[in-house]
């Protein structure tokens, strides 16, 4: 999704859980995964691209596993960076895959529920052999990220490409709202799953609400 949308989802889903210093660090880390050189090339697992579902899920768990030990060592910056990276990847699952299409196709009698009704963690869909994500066809795909060139380039890319499949913004049509709602719900889920076993002291350190009061 677009950088501003990633930031908006974090603020909406967990903004009230963190002090401003923590939230700013988490957002910066989240957005950093869209840096072209360090976050895109060679890192399909950061974005659920190229059908790299197992690699991306492993990346999520690797980042989650960093958080508690970092906090126990008083290293809040590492914990916040890991949570920012984790949430970016989790959010991209819905805009870079066909999860939304599958969820809608499973609705009874062809019903189309409101976007707010989407279930972001349907195990049947997550394990479905029909689940797929957009492939990145470099170097041509890179040109599709350049707005003036987008309409010229996309017709030459395969239909399973990221350029065709993505739901990264409202420009992609009505399914974007479903991806947005699912990703926002997933962001909240990731916060709850990450902090579920935290002691009160560890949770307070992670949230850093004292910086809000100090301000």
N, C-alpha and C. Protein backbone atom coordinates (compact mmCIF):
# COMPACT_ATOMS: atom_id res chain seq x y z
N UNK A 1 0.84 -1.19 0.00
CA UNK A 1 0.00 0.00 0.00
C UNK A 1 0.88 1.25 0.00
N UNK A 2 0.28 2.38 -0.32
CA UNK A 2 1.03 3.62 -0.32
C UNK A 2 1.51 3.94 1.09
N UNK A 3 2.60 4.67 1.16
CA UNK A 3 3.22 4.96 2.46
C UNK A 3 2.25 5.66 3.41
N UNK A 4 1.52 6.62 2.91
CA UNK A 4 0.60 7.36 3.79
C UNK A 4 -0.49 6.42 4.34
N UNK A 5 -0.86 5.41 3.56
CA UNK A 5 -1.90 4.49 4.01
C UNK A 5 -1.36 3.58 5.10
N UNK A 6 -0.12 3.12 4.94
CA UNK A 6 0.50 2.33 6.02
C UNK A 6 0.49 3.12 7.32
N UNK A 7 0.88 4.39 7.24
CA UNK A 7 0.93 5.23 8.44
C UNK A 7 -0.46 5.44 9.02
N UNK A 8 -1.44 5.68 8.17
CA UNK A 8 -2.81 5.88 8.64
C UNK A 8 -3.35 4.63 9.34
N UNK A 9 -3.04 3.46 8.82
CA UNK A 9 -3.51 2.23 9.44
C UNK A 9 -2.91 2.05 10.83
N UNK A 10 -1.65 2.34 10.97
CA UNK A 10 -1.02 2.23 12.29
C UNK A 10 -1.66 3.19 13.28
N UNK A 11 -1.87 4.41 12.85
CA UNK A 11 -2.49 5.38 13.75
C UNK A 11 -3.91 4.96 14.13
N UNK A 12 -4.64 4.43 13.17
CA UNK A 12 -6.01 4.01 13.43
C UNK A 12 -6.08 2.79 14.34
N UNK A 13 -5.24 1.81 14.07
CA UNK A 13 -5.33 0.53 14.78
C UNK A 13 -4.68 0.54 16.15
N UNK A 14 -3.51 1.20 16.27
CA UNK A 14 -2.76 1.12 17.52
C UNK A 14 -2.23 2.47 18.00
N UNK A 15 -2.65 3.54 17.35
CA UNK A 15 -2.12 4.85 17.72
C UNK A 15 -2.35 5.20 19.18
N UNK A 16 -3.47 4.79 19.74
CA UNK A 16 -3.77 5.12 21.14
C UNK A 16 -2.98 4.27 22.12
N UNK A 17 -2.33 3.22 21.61
CA UNK A 17 -1.57 2.32 22.49
C UNK A 17 -0.16 2.82 22.77
N UNK A 18 0.33 3.76 21.98
CA UNK A 18 1.72 4.18 22.08
C UNK A 18 1.84 5.69 22.34
N UNK A 19 2.91 6.03 23.02
CA UNK A 19 3.29 7.43 23.12
C UNK A 19 3.82 7.91 21.79
N UNK A 20 3.93 9.22 21.60
CA UNK A 20 4.34 9.76 20.30
C UNK A 20 5.73 9.31 19.84
N UNK A 21 6.66 9.20 20.78
CA UNK A 21 8.01 8.77 20.40
C UNK A 21 8.00 7.35 19.85
N UNK A 22 7.29 6.46 20.52
CA UNK A 22 7.20 5.07 20.07
C UNK A 22 6.47 4.98 18.74
N UNK A 23 5.34 5.67 18.62
CA UNK A 23 4.56 5.59 17.39
C UNK A 23 5.35 6.13 16.20
N UNK A 24 6.06 7.22 16.39
CA UNK A 24 6.87 7.77 15.30
C UNK A 24 7.93 6.77 14.85
N UNK A 25 8.57 6.11 15.81
CA UNK A 25 9.62 5.13 15.47
C UNK A 25 9.02 3.93 14.74
N UNK A 26 7.86 3.48 15.19
CA UNK A 26 7.21 2.33 14.55
C UNK A 26 6.80 2.68 13.12
N UNK A 27 6.22 3.85 12.93
CA UNK A 27 5.81 4.27 11.59
C UNK A 27 7.02 4.40 10.67
N UNK A 28 8.09 5.00 11.17
CA UNK A 28 9.30 5.16 10.35
C UNK A 28 9.84 3.81 9.90
N UNK A 29 9.86 2.84 10.80
CA UNK A 29 10.34 1.51 10.45
C UNK A 29 9.41 0.84 9.46
N UNK A 30 8.12 0.98 9.68
CA UNK A 30 7.13 0.41 8.77
C UNK A 30 7.34 0.96 7.35
N UNK A 31 7.45 2.26 7.23
CA UNK A 31 7.59 2.88 5.92
C UNK A 31 8.94 2.58 5.29
N UNK A 32 9.95 2.33 6.11
CA UNK A 32 11.28 2.04 5.60
C UNK A 32 11.33 0.79 4.73
N UNK A 33 10.38 -0.11 4.92
CA UNK A 33 10.38 -1.33 4.12
C UNK A 33 9.97 -1.10 2.67
N UNK A 34 9.51 0.10 2.39
CA UNK A 34 9.19 0.43 1.01
C UNK A 34 10.32 1.17 0.30
N UNK A 35 11.45 1.35 1.00
CA UNK A 35 12.60 1.95 0.33
C UNK A 35 13.03 1.03 -0.82
N UNK A 36 13.21 1.62 -1.99
CA UNK A 36 13.41 0.79 -3.19
C UNK A 36 14.67 -0.07 -3.10
N UNK A 37 15.77 0.50 -2.64
CA UNK A 37 17.03 -0.25 -2.64
C UNK A 37 17.15 -1.22 -1.47
N UNK A 38 16.72 -0.80 -0.28
CA UNK A 38 16.91 -1.65 0.90
C UNK A 38 15.67 -2.45 1.28
N UNK A 39 14.51 -2.08 0.76
CA UNK A 39 13.30 -2.76 1.17
C UNK A 39 12.55 -3.46 0.07
N UNK A 40 12.94 -3.25 -1.17
CA UNK A 40 12.21 -3.85 -2.28
C UNK A 40 13.03 -4.92 -2.99
N UNK A 41 14.16 -4.54 -3.54
CA UNK A 41 14.95 -5.48 -4.33
C UNK A 41 15.51 -6.60 -3.46
N UNK A 42 15.17 -7.83 -3.79
CA UNK A 42 15.69 -8.98 -3.07
C UNK A 42 14.99 -9.27 -1.76
N UNK A 43 13.88 -8.61 -1.50
CA UNK A 43 13.18 -8.83 -0.23
C UNK A 43 11.70 -9.08 -0.46
N UNK A 44 11.39 -10.12 -1.19
CA UNK A 44 9.99 -10.46 -1.43
C UNK A 44 9.25 -10.79 -0.15
N UNK A 45 9.99 -11.27 0.86
CA UNK A 45 9.36 -11.65 2.12
C UNK A 45 8.86 -10.43 2.91
N UNK A 46 9.36 -9.24 2.60
CA UNK A 46 8.90 -8.04 3.29
C UNK A 46 7.47 -7.66 2.88
N UNK A 47 7.03 -8.16 1.73
CA UNK A 47 5.78 -7.66 1.14
C UNK A 47 4.82 -8.77 0.68
N UNK A 48 5.08 -10.00 1.01
CA UNK A 48 4.27 -11.12 0.52
C UNK A 48 4.22 -11.14 -1.00
N UNK A 49 5.32 -10.78 -1.66
CA UNK A 49 5.37 -10.81 -3.12
C UNK A 49 5.82 -12.17 -3.62
N UNK A 50 5.62 -12.41 -4.91
CA UNK A 50 6.14 -13.61 -5.58
C UNK A 50 5.68 -14.92 -4.93
N UNK A 51 4.49 -14.90 -4.34
CA UNK A 51 3.96 -16.10 -3.66
C UNK A 51 4.87 -16.59 -2.53
N UNK A 52 5.64 -15.69 -1.96
CA UNK A 52 6.57 -16.07 -0.89
C UNK A 52 5.86 -16.11 0.46
N UNK A 53 4.81 -16.90 0.56
CA UNK A 53 3.99 -16.91 1.76
C UNK A 53 4.74 -17.46 2.97
N UNK A 54 5.44 -18.56 2.79
CA UNK A 54 6.15 -19.14 3.93
C UNK A 54 7.29 -18.24 4.39
N UNK A 55 8.01 -17.67 3.45
CA UNK A 55 9.11 -16.77 3.82
C UNK A 55 8.58 -15.53 4.55
N UNK A 56 7.46 -15.02 4.08
CA UNK A 56 6.90 -13.82 4.71
C UNK A 56 6.39 -14.13 6.11
N UNK A 57 5.74 -15.28 6.27
CA UNK A 57 5.26 -15.65 7.61
C UNK A 57 6.44 -15.87 8.56
N UNK A 58 7.50 -16.45 8.05
CA UNK A 58 8.70 -16.63 8.88
C UNK A 58 9.30 -15.28 9.27
N UNK A 59 9.27 -14.34 8.34
CA UNK A 59 9.79 -13.00 8.63
C UNK A 59 8.95 -12.34 9.74
N UNK A 60 7.63 -12.49 9.67
CA UNK A 60 6.77 -11.95 10.72
C UNK A 60 7.16 -12.50 12.09
N UNK A 61 7.34 -13.80 12.16
CA UNK A 61 7.67 -14.43 13.44
C UNK A 61 9.07 -14.07 13.91
N UNK A 62 9.99 -13.92 12.97
CA UNK A 62 11.35 -13.50 13.33
C UNK A 62 11.34 -12.11 13.96
N UNK A 63 10.57 -11.21 13.39
CA UNK A 63 10.49 -9.85 13.94
C UNK A 63 9.80 -9.86 15.30
N UNK A 64 8.73 -10.64 15.42
CA UNK A 64 8.03 -10.72 16.70
C UNK A 64 8.96 -11.24 17.80
N UNK A 65 9.80 -12.21 17.43
CA UNK A 65 10.70 -12.83 18.40
C UNK A 65 11.77 -11.87 18.91
N UNK A 66 12.02 -10.80 18.18
CA UNK A 66 13.02 -9.81 18.60
C UNK A 66 12.51 -8.88 19.68
N UNK A 67 11.20 -8.72 19.77
CA UNK A 67 10.64 -7.61 20.55
C UNK A 67 10.82 -7.78 22.05
N UNK A 68 10.37 -8.89 22.60
CA UNK A 68 10.46 -9.07 24.05
C UNK A 68 11.92 -9.06 24.54
N UNK A 69 12.85 -9.82 23.91
CA UNK A 69 14.24 -9.75 24.37
C UNK A 69 14.83 -8.35 24.31
N UNK A 70 14.48 -7.59 23.27
CA UNK A 70 14.99 -6.23 23.17
C UNK A 70 14.48 -5.38 24.34
N UNK A 71 13.20 -5.51 24.65
CA UNK A 71 12.63 -4.75 25.76
C UNK A 71 13.25 -5.16 27.09
N UNK A 72 13.49 -6.45 27.25
CA UNK A 72 14.11 -6.94 28.49
C UNK A 72 15.51 -6.36 28.67
N UNK A 73 16.16 -6.02 27.56
CA UNK A 73 17.48 -5.39 27.61
C UNK A 73 17.39 -3.87 27.60
N UNK A 74 16.19 -3.34 27.66
CA UNK A 74 16.01 -1.90 27.67
C UNK A 74 16.19 -1.24 26.31
N UNK A 75 16.20 -2.05 25.26
CA UNK A 75 16.44 -1.54 23.90
C UNK A 75 15.10 -1.32 23.20
N UNK A 76 14.44 -0.24 23.54
CA UNK A 76 13.11 0.01 22.98
C UNK A 76 13.15 0.30 21.48
N UNK A 77 14.23 0.90 21.02
CA UNK A 77 14.31 1.25 19.59
C UNK A 77 14.28 -0.01 18.72
N UNK A 78 15.01 -1.04 19.13
CA UNK A 78 14.98 -2.30 18.37
C UNK A 78 13.59 -2.91 18.40
N UNK A 79 12.93 -2.85 19.54
CA UNK A 79 11.58 -3.39 19.66
C UNK A 79 10.62 -2.65 18.74
N UNK A 80 10.71 -1.34 18.73
CA UNK A 80 9.81 -0.55 17.88
C UNK A 80 10.08 -0.79 16.39
N UNK A 81 11.37 -0.88 16.05
CA UNK A 81 11.70 -1.16 14.64
C UNK A 81 11.14 -2.51 14.20
N UNK A 82 11.29 -3.50 15.06
CA UNK A 82 10.78 -4.83 14.71
C UNK A 82 9.27 -4.82 14.55
N UNK A 83 8.58 -4.10 15.41
CA UNK A 83 7.12 -4.05 15.30
C UNK A 83 6.70 -3.28 14.04
N UNK A 84 7.44 -2.25 13.68
CA UNK A 84 7.15 -1.53 12.45
C UNK A 84 7.31 -2.42 11.22
N UNK A 85 8.38 -3.20 11.19
CA UNK A 85 8.60 -4.10 10.06
C UNK A 85 7.53 -5.18 10.01
N UNK A 86 7.21 -5.72 11.17
CA UNK A 86 6.20 -6.77 11.26
C UNK A 86 4.86 -6.28 10.71
N UNK A 87 4.45 -5.09 11.13
CA UNK A 87 3.15 -4.60 10.70
C UNK A 87 3.13 -4.27 9.21
N UNK A 88 4.22 -3.79 8.67
CA UNK A 88 4.25 -3.52 7.23
C UNK A 88 3.99 -4.79 6.43
N UNK A 89 4.68 -5.84 6.78
CA UNK A 89 4.52 -7.11 6.06
C UNK A 89 3.11 -7.65 6.22
N UNK A 90 2.59 -7.61 7.45
CA UNK A 90 1.23 -8.10 7.69
C UNK A 90 0.21 -7.30 6.88
N UNK A 91 0.40 -6.00 6.80
CA UNK A 91 -0.53 -5.15 6.05
C UNK A 91 -0.47 -5.45 4.55
N UNK A 92 0.71 -5.67 4.04
CA UNK A 92 0.88 -5.90 2.60
C UNK A 92 0.23 -7.21 2.14
N UNK A 93 0.05 -8.14 3.04
CA UNK A 93 -0.58 -9.41 2.66
C UNK A 93 -1.90 -9.17 1.93
N UNK A 94 -2.67 -8.22 2.40
CA UNK A 94 -4.02 -8.01 1.87
C UNK A 94 -4.03 -7.20 0.58
N UNK A 95 -3.04 -6.36 0.38
CA UNK A 95 -3.00 -5.56 -0.84
C UNK A 95 -2.16 -6.19 -1.94
N UNK A 96 -1.34 -7.18 -1.60
CA UNK A 96 -0.46 -7.81 -2.58
C UNK A 96 -0.90 -9.22 -2.96
N UNK A 97 -1.95 -9.73 -2.33
CA UNK A 97 -2.43 -11.08 -2.65
C UNK A 97 -3.89 -11.01 -3.11
N UNK A 98 -4.43 -12.16 -3.43
CA UNK A 98 -5.84 -12.24 -3.85
C UNK A 98 -6.74 -12.66 -2.69
N UNK A 99 -6.29 -12.43 -1.46
CA UNK A 99 -7.08 -12.80 -0.28
C UNK A 99 -8.47 -12.19 -0.33
N UNK A 100 -8.56 -10.91 -0.67
CA UNK A 100 -9.87 -10.25 -0.71
C UNK A 100 -10.78 -10.92 -1.72
N UNK A 101 -10.26 -11.21 -2.90
CA UNK A 101 -11.06 -11.90 -3.93
C UNK A 101 -11.57 -13.25 -3.41
N UNK A 102 -10.68 -13.99 -2.75
CA UNK A 102 -11.07 -15.30 -2.23
C UNK A 102 -12.15 -15.15 -1.16
N UNK A 103 -11.98 -14.19 -0.28
CA UNK A 103 -12.95 -14.00 0.81
C UNK A 103 -14.32 -13.69 0.24
N UNK A 104 -14.36 -12.81 -0.76
CA UNK A 104 -15.64 -12.47 -1.37
C UNK A 104 -16.25 -13.67 -2.10
N UNK A 105 -15.41 -14.47 -2.73
CA UNK A 105 -15.91 -15.63 -3.48
C UNK A 105 -16.50 -16.69 -2.56
N UNK A 106 -16.11 -16.69 -1.29
CA UNK A 106 -16.60 -17.67 -0.33
C UNK A 106 -17.89 -17.23 0.36
N UNK A 107 -18.38 -16.04 0.06
CA UNK A 107 -19.59 -15.57 0.71
C UNK A 107 -20.81 -16.31 0.15
N UNK A 108 -21.75 -16.69 1.01
CA UNK A 108 -22.91 -17.47 0.55
C UNK A 108 -23.84 -16.67 -0.36
N UNK A 109 -24.37 -17.35 -1.34
CA UNK A 109 -25.37 -16.78 -2.23
C UNK A 109 -24.90 -15.54 -2.97
N UNK A 110 -23.60 -15.45 -3.19
CA UNK A 110 -23.07 -14.32 -3.94
C UNK A 110 -23.17 -12.99 -3.23
N UNK A 111 -23.40 -13.04 -1.91
CA UNK A 111 -23.51 -11.80 -1.14
C UNK A 111 -22.18 -11.06 -1.13
N UNK A 112 -22.24 -9.75 -1.03
CA UNK A 112 -21.04 -8.92 -0.94
C UNK A 112 -21.15 -8.06 0.30
N UNK A 113 -20.65 -8.58 1.44
CA UNK A 113 -20.74 -7.82 2.69
C UNK A 113 -19.98 -6.50 2.60
N UNK A 114 -20.26 -5.62 3.53
CA UNK A 114 -19.53 -4.36 3.61
C UNK A 114 -18.06 -4.63 3.91
N UNK A 115 -17.17 -3.77 3.46
CA UNK A 115 -15.74 -3.97 3.74
C UNK A 115 -15.42 -4.15 5.22
N UNK A 116 -16.19 -3.50 6.07
CA UNK A 116 -15.94 -3.61 7.51
C UNK A 116 -16.16 -5.01 8.05
N UNK A 117 -16.83 -5.87 7.27
CA UNK A 117 -17.14 -7.22 7.72
C UNK A 117 -16.05 -8.23 7.39
N UNK A 118 -15.03 -7.83 6.66
CA UNK A 118 -14.03 -8.80 6.22
C UNK A 118 -13.29 -9.40 7.40
N UNK A 119 -13.08 -10.70 7.33
CA UNK A 119 -12.33 -11.45 8.34
C UNK A 119 -10.88 -11.57 7.85
N UNK A 120 -9.93 -10.99 8.55
CA UNK A 120 -8.56 -10.97 8.03
C UNK A 120 -7.76 -12.25 8.24
N UNK A 121 -8.27 -13.17 9.06
CA UNK A 121 -7.48 -14.36 9.38
C UNK A 121 -8.32 -15.62 9.22
N UNK A 122 -8.89 -15.78 8.06
CA UNK A 122 -9.65 -16.99 7.74
C UNK A 122 -8.67 -18.09 7.37
N UNK A 123 -8.54 -19.08 8.23
CA UNK A 123 -7.54 -20.14 8.02
C UNK A 123 -7.75 -20.89 6.71
N UNK A 124 -9.00 -21.09 6.34
CA UNK A 124 -9.29 -21.80 5.09
C UNK A 124 -8.69 -21.04 3.90
N UNK A 125 -8.83 -19.73 3.91
CA UNK A 125 -8.30 -18.92 2.80
C UNK A 125 -6.79 -18.82 2.86
N UNK A 126 -6.26 -18.65 4.06
CA UNK A 126 -4.81 -18.52 4.20
C UNK A 126 -4.09 -19.78 3.74
N UNK A 127 -4.72 -20.93 3.92
CA UNK A 127 -4.11 -22.19 3.51
C UNK A 127 -4.61 -22.67 2.14
N UNK A 128 -5.43 -21.88 1.49
CA UNK A 128 -6.01 -22.30 0.21
C UNK A 128 -4.96 -22.40 -0.89
N UNK A 129 -5.00 -23.46 -1.69
CA UNK A 129 -4.09 -23.56 -2.84
C UNK A 129 -4.35 -22.49 -3.89
N UNK A 130 -5.50 -21.82 -3.80
CA UNK A 130 -5.82 -20.76 -4.75
C UNK A 130 -5.22 -19.41 -4.33
N UNK A 131 -4.68 -19.33 -3.12
CA UNK A 131 -4.09 -18.08 -2.66
C UNK A 131 -2.81 -17.81 -3.44
N UNK A 132 -2.67 -16.60 -3.94
CA UNK A 132 -1.45 -16.23 -4.65
C UNK A 132 -1.20 -14.75 -4.48
N UNK A 133 0.02 -14.34 -4.73
CA UNK A 133 0.36 -12.93 -4.64
C UNK A 133 1.07 -12.49 -5.91
N UNK A 134 1.10 -11.18 -6.11
CA UNK A 134 1.66 -10.64 -7.34
C UNK A 134 3.15 -10.91 -7.49
N UNK A 135 3.54 -11.25 -8.69
CA UNK A 135 4.96 -11.45 -8.99
C UNK A 135 5.58 -10.13 -9.44
N UNK A 136 6.85 -9.98 -9.11
CA UNK A 136 7.58 -8.77 -9.49
C UNK A 136 8.43 -9.09 -10.70
N UNK A 137 8.13 -8.44 -11.80
CA UNK A 137 8.85 -8.68 -13.05
C UNK A 137 9.79 -7.49 -13.33
N UNK A 138 10.95 -7.53 -12.67
CA UNK A 138 11.95 -6.50 -12.95
C UNK A 138 12.65 -6.82 -14.26
N UNK A 139 13.13 -5.81 -15.00
CA UNK A 139 13.11 -4.39 -14.63
C UNK A 139 11.84 -3.65 -15.02
N UNK A 140 10.99 -4.26 -15.86
CA UNK A 140 9.82 -3.53 -16.35
C UNK A 140 8.89 -3.13 -15.22
N UNK A 141 8.77 -4.00 -14.23
CA UNK A 141 7.86 -3.72 -13.11
C UNK A 141 8.22 -2.42 -12.40
N UNK A 142 9.53 -2.13 -12.32
CA UNK A 142 9.96 -0.91 -11.63
C UNK A 142 9.37 0.33 -12.27
N UNK A 143 9.20 0.30 -13.58
CA UNK A 143 8.65 1.47 -14.27
C UNK A 143 7.18 1.69 -13.95
N UNK A 144 6.50 0.62 -13.51
CA UNK A 144 5.09 0.75 -13.17
C UNK A 144 4.89 1.56 -11.89
N UNK A 145 5.97 1.74 -11.12
CA UNK A 145 5.87 2.56 -9.91
C UNK A 145 6.00 4.05 -10.23
N UNK A 146 6.38 4.37 -11.46
CA UNK A 146 6.53 5.77 -11.87
C UNK A 146 5.21 6.21 -12.48
N UNK A 147 4.51 7.09 -11.80
CA UNK A 147 3.14 7.44 -12.20
C UNK A 147 2.99 7.81 -13.67
N UNK A 148 3.84 8.68 -14.24
CA UNK A 148 3.64 9.05 -15.65
C UNK A 148 3.81 7.88 -16.62
N UNK A 149 4.53 6.83 -16.20
CA UNK A 149 4.78 5.69 -17.07
C UNK A 149 3.83 4.52 -16.83
N UNK A 150 3.09 4.57 -15.75
CA UNK A 150 2.31 3.42 -15.29
C UNK A 150 1.39 2.87 -16.37
N UNK A 151 0.59 3.73 -16.96
CA UNK A 151 -0.40 3.26 -17.93
C UNK A 151 0.25 2.73 -19.21
N UNK A 152 1.45 3.17 -19.49
CA UNK A 152 2.16 2.69 -20.66
C UNK A 152 2.78 1.32 -20.43
N UNK A 153 3.22 1.09 -19.19
CA UNK A 153 3.97 -0.13 -18.87
C UNK A 153 3.07 -1.31 -18.53
N UNK A 154 2.03 -1.08 -17.76
CA UNK A 154 1.21 -2.17 -17.22
C UNK A 154 0.67 -3.11 -18.30
N UNK A 155 0.22 -2.63 -19.46
CA UNK A 155 -0.30 -3.57 -20.47
C UNK A 155 0.71 -4.60 -20.94
N UNK A 156 2.00 -4.34 -20.73
CA UNK A 156 3.04 -5.26 -21.19
C UNK A 156 3.45 -6.26 -20.10
N UNK A 157 2.87 -6.14 -18.92
CA UNK A 157 3.20 -7.05 -17.83
C UNK A 157 2.18 -8.17 -17.74
N UNK A 158 2.60 -9.36 -17.29
CA UNK A 158 1.66 -10.49 -17.14
C UNK A 158 0.58 -10.17 -16.11
N UNK A 159 -0.54 -10.85 -16.24
CA UNK A 159 -1.67 -10.60 -15.36
C UNK A 159 -1.41 -11.03 -13.91
N UNK A 160 -0.39 -11.87 -13.69
CA UNK A 160 -0.07 -12.25 -12.32
C UNK A 160 0.98 -11.34 -11.70
N UNK A 161 1.25 -10.24 -12.34
CA UNK A 161 2.25 -9.30 -11.82
C UNK A 161 1.66 -8.46 -10.69
N UNK A 162 2.56 -7.92 -9.89
CA UNK A 162 2.14 -7.00 -8.83
C UNK A 162 1.39 -5.81 -9.41
N UNK A 163 1.84 -5.32 -10.54
CA UNK A 163 1.23 -4.14 -11.15
C UNK A 163 -0.25 -4.37 -11.44
N UNK A 164 -0.61 -5.58 -11.87
CA UNK A 164 -2.00 -5.89 -12.16
C UNK A 164 -2.78 -6.24 -10.90
N UNK A 165 -2.17 -6.96 -9.98
CA UNK A 165 -2.90 -7.53 -8.85
C UNK A 165 -3.05 -6.62 -7.65
N UNK A 166 -2.18 -5.64 -7.48
CA UNK A 166 -2.14 -4.91 -6.21
C UNK A 166 -3.41 -4.12 -5.90
N UNK A 167 -3.66 -3.99 -4.60
CA UNK A 167 -4.74 -3.15 -4.08
C UNK A 167 -4.12 -2.09 -3.18
N UNK A 168 -3.14 -1.39 -3.71
CA UNK A 168 -2.33 -0.48 -2.90
C UNK A 168 -2.97 0.87 -2.63
N UNK A 169 -4.01 1.24 -3.37
CA UNK A 169 -4.65 2.53 -3.15
C UNK A 169 -6.06 2.48 -3.69
N UNK A 170 -6.83 3.52 -3.39
CA UNK A 170 -8.21 3.59 -3.84
C UNK A 170 -8.32 3.62 -5.36
N UNK A 171 -7.25 4.00 -6.04
CA UNK A 171 -7.25 4.01 -7.51
C UNK A 171 -7.45 2.61 -8.09
N UNK A 172 -7.21 1.59 -7.28
CA UNK A 172 -7.31 0.21 -7.76
C UNK A 172 -8.75 -0.31 -7.76
N UNK A 173 -9.68 0.51 -7.31
CA UNK A 173 -11.07 0.10 -7.37
C UNK A 173 -11.67 -0.25 -6.02
N UNK A 174 -12.91 -0.74 -6.02
CA UNK A 174 -13.65 -0.96 -4.76
C UNK A 174 -13.07 -2.03 -3.85
N UNK A 175 -12.25 -2.93 -4.37
CA UNK A 175 -11.68 -3.97 -3.50
C UNK A 175 -10.63 -3.39 -2.56
N UNK A 176 -10.12 -2.21 -2.88
CA UNK A 176 -9.12 -1.59 -2.00
C UNK A 176 -9.67 -1.42 -0.60
N UNK A 177 -10.92 -1.01 -0.48
CA UNK A 177 -11.48 -0.76 0.85
C UNK A 177 -11.50 -2.04 1.68
N UNK A 178 -11.72 -3.18 1.04
CA UNK A 178 -11.68 -4.45 1.76
C UNK A 178 -10.26 -4.74 2.25
N UNK A 179 -9.28 -4.50 1.38
CA UNK A 179 -7.88 -4.72 1.77
C UNK A 179 -7.49 -3.80 2.90
N UNK A 180 -7.94 -2.56 2.83
CA UNK A 180 -7.63 -1.58 3.88
C UNK A 180 -8.21 -2.01 5.22
N UNK A 181 -9.47 -2.43 5.22
CA UNK A 181 -10.11 -2.84 6.47
C UNK A 181 -9.46 -4.09 7.03
N UNK A 182 -9.16 -5.05 6.17
CA UNK A 182 -8.51 -6.28 6.63
C UNK A 182 -7.14 -5.99 7.22
N UNK A 183 -6.36 -5.14 6.55
CA UNK A 183 -5.01 -4.83 7.01
C UNK A 183 -5.04 -4.05 8.32
N UNK A 184 -6.03 -3.18 8.49
CA UNK A 184 -6.14 -2.43 9.74
C UNK A 184 -6.49 -3.36 10.89
N UNK A 185 -7.42 -4.27 10.65
CA UNK A 185 -7.75 -5.27 11.68
C UNK A 185 -6.54 -6.13 12.01
N UNK A 186 -5.79 -6.51 10.99
CA UNK A 186 -4.61 -7.35 11.21
C UNK A 186 -3.55 -6.61 12.02
N UNK A 187 -3.44 -5.32 11.82
CA UNK A 187 -2.48 -4.52 12.58
C UNK A 187 -2.80 -4.58 14.06
N UNK A 188 -4.09 -4.46 14.39
CA UNK A 188 -4.49 -4.55 15.79
C UNK A 188 -4.24 -5.96 16.33
N UNK A 189 -4.53 -6.96 15.52
CA UNK A 189 -4.28 -8.34 15.91
C UNK A 189 -2.80 -8.54 16.24
N UNK A 190 -1.92 -7.98 15.42
CA UNK A 190 -0.48 -8.17 15.63
C UNK A 190 -0.02 -7.52 16.93
N UNK A 191 -0.60 -6.38 17.27
CA UNK A 191 -0.26 -5.76 18.55
C UNK A 191 -0.70 -6.66 19.71
N UNK A 192 -1.92 -7.16 19.64
CA UNK A 192 -2.43 -8.01 20.71
C UNK A 192 -1.63 -9.30 20.82
N UNK A 193 -1.30 -9.91 19.68
CA UNK A 193 -0.54 -11.16 19.69
C UNK A 193 0.88 -10.94 20.22
N UNK A 194 1.46 -9.81 19.90
CA UNK A 194 2.83 -9.51 20.32
C UNK A 194 2.91 -9.25 21.81
N UNK A 195 1.92 -8.56 22.36
CA UNK A 195 2.00 -8.12 23.76
C UNK A 195 1.26 -9.03 24.73
N UNK A 196 0.62 -10.07 24.23
CA UNK A 196 -0.24 -10.91 25.07
C UNK A 196 0.48 -11.46 26.30
N UNK A 197 1.73 -11.84 26.13
CA UNK A 197 2.46 -12.47 27.24
C UNK A 197 3.37 -11.48 27.98
N UNK A 198 3.28 -10.20 27.65
CA UNK A 198 4.15 -9.22 28.29
C UNK A 198 3.74 -9.00 29.74
N UNK A 199 4.72 -8.81 30.60
CA UNK A 199 4.44 -8.36 31.95
C UNK A 199 3.99 -6.90 31.90
N UNK A 200 3.34 -6.40 32.95
CA UNK A 200 2.94 -4.99 32.95
C UNK A 200 4.11 -4.04 32.70
N UNK A 201 5.26 -4.37 33.29
CA UNK A 201 6.43 -3.51 33.11
C UNK A 201 6.93 -3.50 31.69
N UNK A 202 6.96 -4.68 31.06
CA UNK A 202 7.42 -4.77 29.67
C UNK A 202 6.45 -4.06 28.74
N UNK A 203 5.17 -4.21 29.00
CA UNK A 203 4.17 -3.55 28.17
C UNK A 203 4.29 -2.03 28.28
N UNK A 204 4.50 -1.55 29.49
CA UNK A 204 4.64 -0.10 29.69
C UNK A 204 5.87 0.42 28.95
N UNK A 205 6.95 -0.35 28.97
CA UNK A 205 8.16 0.06 28.27
C UNK A 205 7.92 0.13 26.77
N UNK A 206 7.24 -0.86 26.25
CA UNK A 206 6.94 -0.93 24.82
C UNK A 206 6.04 0.23 24.39
N UNK A 207 5.02 0.51 25.16
CA UNK A 207 4.05 1.54 24.79
C UNK A 207 4.62 2.95 24.95
N UNK A 208 5.49 3.16 25.94
CA UNK A 208 6.18 4.44 26.13
C UNK A 208 5.19 5.59 26.30
N UNK A 209 4.11 5.34 27.00
CA UNK A 209 3.13 6.40 27.20
C UNK A 209 3.64 7.51 28.10
N UNK A 210 4.67 7.23 28.89
CA UNK A 210 5.22 8.26 29.77
C UNK A 210 5.75 9.44 28.98
N UNK A 211 6.24 9.18 27.76
CA UNK A 211 6.75 10.28 26.94
C UNK A 211 5.64 11.21 26.53
N UNK A 212 4.41 10.65 26.42
CA UNK A 212 3.24 11.46 26.09
C UNK A 212 2.92 12.40 27.25
N UNK A 213 2.96 11.83 28.47
CA UNK A 213 2.66 12.64 29.64
C UNK A 213 3.74 13.71 29.85
N UNK A 214 5.01 13.31 29.57
CA UNK A 214 6.09 14.26 29.76
C UNK A 214 5.99 15.44 28.82
N UNK A 215 5.47 15.15 27.61
CA UNK A 215 5.32 16.21 26.62
C UNK A 215 4.26 17.21 27.07
